Amino acid sequence: MNEKLPTLISSFCTPLSALAERHGAILLLCCAFILIDLATGLARAKVQGTVNSSAGYKGFWRKISLLLTLTFGVCLDLFLSYLSTLGLFPVSIPMPISLTIGIYLSVNECISICENLSASGVKMPRAILKAIGKSDFL
């Protein structure tokens, strides 16, 4: 076995595990909601007979941009934390930028999941349909 492989794996997994310790839950939730949204969107397109590869392609890149936005928030959190340890950026309260972005993305994906389900013919509670503005399904 190559002697550099364990070092390479370790140098990749160590920062990843440190990142997961602080941001793992929100990253996991966002990824799960994005996958569920993709699945329900595909089911919606199949039920409506509008399966379109270009729409799927655009949707895929939209989801990638959402994950990149969340990654940017994580990087900002790490950067501000680093600046506060140097004393260059005196912050007395934590600024959870990635958590705020993650919650926004999660709520946005949940709304999209509900829209996809209701458009697929799944019976939804009236309160949810009213909240997402789908009065034609009431």
Protein backbone atom coordinates (compact mmCIF):
# COMPACT_ATOMS: atom_id res chain seq x y z
CA MET A 1 0.00 0.00 0.00
CA ASN A 2 1.15 3.50 -0.77
CA GLU A 3 2.67 5.15 2.30
CA LYS A 4 1.23 8.57 1.42
CA LEU A 5 -2.37 7.35 1.30
CA PRO A 6 -2.96 7.24 5.10
CA THR A 7 -1.46 10.72 5.42
CA LEU A 8 -3.65 12.01 2.61
CA ILE A 9 -6.79 10.47 4.11
CA SER A 10 -5.92 11.81 7.55
CA SER A 11 -5.25 15.32 6.27
CA PHE A 12 -8.65 15.29 4.53
CA CYS A 13 -10.70 13.70 7.33
CA THR A 14 -9.28 15.68 10.26
CA PRO A 15 -10.61 19.09 9.16
CA LEU A 16 -13.80 17.40 8.01
CA SER A 17 -14.43 15.91 11.45
CA ALA A 18 -13.66 19.23 13.14
CA LEU A 19 -16.13 20.92 10.78
CA ALA A 20 -18.76 18.27 11.45
CA GLU A 21 -18.42 18.77 15.19
CA ARG A 22 -19.67 22.33 14.98
CA HIS A 23 -21.65 22.46 11.73
CA GLY A 24 -22.51 18.82 11.11
CA ALA A 25 -26.15 18.92 12.15
CA ILE A 26 -27.16 21.86 9.96
CA LEU A 27 -25.14 20.53 7.02
CA LEU A 28 -26.80 17.14 7.36
CA LEU A 29 -30.28 18.65 7.64
CA CYS A 30 -29.79 20.87 4.60
CA CYS A 31 -28.45 17.99 2.51
CA ALA A 32 -31.36 15.77 3.61
CA PHE A 33 -33.95 18.42 2.76
CA ILE A 34 -32.31 19.06 -0.61
CA LEU A 35 -32.38 15.34 -1.45
CA ILE A 36 -36.03 15.06 -0.38
CA ASP A 37 -36.88 18.13 -2.46
CA LEU A 38 -35.14 16.65 -5.49
CA ALA A 39 -37.04 13.38 -5.06
CA THR A 40 -40.42 15.08 -4.61
CA GLY A 41 -39.71 17.39 -7.54
CA LEU A 42 -38.96 14.41 -9.73
CA ALA A 43 -42.15 12.70 -8.53
CA ARG A 44 -44.12 15.87 -9.28
CA ALA A 45 -42.72 16.06 -12.80
CA LYS A 46 -43.48 12.39 -13.37
CA VAL A 47 -47.08 12.72 -12.10
CA GLN A 48 -47.68 15.84 -14.19
CA GLY A 49 -45.94 14.32 -17.22
CA THR A 50 -43.50 17.20 -17.48
CA VAL A 51 -40.19 15.38 -17.01
CA ASN A 52 -37.64 17.64 -18.64
CA SER A 53 -33.90 17.13 -18.56
CA SER A 54 -33.10 20.84 -18.93
CA ALA A 55 -35.33 21.71 -15.96
CA GLY A 56 -33.65 18.96 -13.94
CA TYR A 57 -30.25 20.26 -14.98
CA LYS A 58 -31.13 23.78 -13.83
CA GLY A 59 -32.55 22.43 -10.58
CA PHE A 60 -29.39 20.43 -9.93
CA TRP A 61 -27.18 23.50 -10.33
CA ARG A 62 -29.55 25.51 -8.16
CA LYS A 63 -29.12 22.96 -5.38
CA ILE A 64 -25.34 23.06 -5.82
CA SER A 65 -25.45 26.86 -5.45
CA LEU A 66 -27.48 26.47 -2.24
CA LEU A 67 -24.85 24.13 -0.82
CA LEU A 68 -22.12 26.55 -1.86
CA THR A 69 -23.98 29.34 -0.07
CA LEU A 70 -24.07 27.23 3.08
CA THR A 71 -20.37 26.43 2.68
CA PHE A 72 -19.67 30.15 2.36
CA GLY A 73 -21.53 30.72 5.65
CA VAL A 74 -19.43 28.05 7.36
CA CYS A 75 -16.26 29.68 6.02
CA LEU A 76 -17.42 33.07 7.33
CA ASP A 77 -18.04 31.55 10.77
CA LEU A 78 -14.57 30.02 10.79
CA PHE A 79 -12.99 33.25 9.57
CA LEU A 80 -14.70 35.37 12.23
CA SER A 81 -13.73 32.86 14.89
CA TYR A 82 -10.12 33.00 13.71
CA LEU A 83 -10.13 36.81 13.74
CA SER A 84 -11.51 36.87 17.27
CA THR A 85 -8.66 34.59 18.49
CA LEU A 86 -6.14 37.02 17.02
CA GLY A 87 -7.78 39.97 18.75
CA LEU A 88 -8.32 41.77 15.45
CA PHE A 89 -12.09 41.45 15.57
CA PRO A 90 -13.34 41.78 19.13
CA VAL A 91 -16.67 39.97 19.18
CA SER A 92 -18.33 39.28 22.49
CA ILE A 93 -21.28 37.33 21.07
CA PRO A 94 -21.10 34.45 18.63
CA MET A 95 -22.34 35.24 15.13
CA PRO A 96 -23.89 32.05 13.74
CA ILE A 97 -23.89 32.99 10.06
CA SER A 98 -23.90 29.40 8.83
CA LEU A 99 -26.73 28.46 11.19
CA THR A 100 -28.82 31.39 9.95
CA ILE A 101 -28.18 30.46 6.31
CA GLY A 102 -28.84 26.80 7.09
CA ILE A 103 -32.17 27.52 8.76
CA TYR A 104 -33.20 29.72 5.83
CA LEU A 105 -32.27 27.01 3.32
CA SER A 106 -34.02 24.31 5.35
CA VAL A 107 -37.26 26.30 5.59
CA ASN A 108 -37.06 27.12 1.88
CA GLU A 109 -36.61 23.45 0.99
CA CYS A 110 -39.49 22.43 3.28
CA ILE A 111 -41.79 24.88 1.49
CA SER A 112 -40.67 23.47 -1.85
CA ILE A 113 -41.27 19.90 -0.62
CA CYS A 114 -44.82 20.81 0.45
CA GLU A 115 -45.47 22.48 -2.91
CA ASN A 116 -44.20 19.41 -4.77
CA LEU A 117 -46.32 17.07 -2.66
CA SER A 118 -49.48 19.10 -3.09
CA ALA A 119 -48.91 19.38 -6.86
CA SER A 120 -48.44 15.60 -6.97
CA GLY A 121 -51.90 15.07 -5.52
CA VAL A 122 -50.92 14.28 -1.93
CA LYS A 123 -53.58 15.48 0.51
CA MET A 124 -52.13 18.19 2.70
CA PRO A 125 -53.61 19.91 5.76
CA ARG A 126 -55.44 23.13 4.94
CA ALA A 127 -53.15 25.16 7.19
CA ILE A 128 -50.08 24.10 5.20
CA LEU A 129 -51.77 24.75 1.86
CA LYS A 130 -52.89 28.17 3.06
CA ALA A 131 -49.37 28.95 4.33
CA ILE A 132 -47.73 28.09 1.00
CA GLY A 133 -50.40 29.97 -0.92
CA LYS A 134 -51.91 27.00 -2.72
CA SER A 135 -55.59 27.91 -2.35
CA ASP A 136 -56.46 26.05 -5.57
CA PHE A 137 -55.76 22.75 -3.77
CA LEU A 138 -58.16 23.48 -0.86
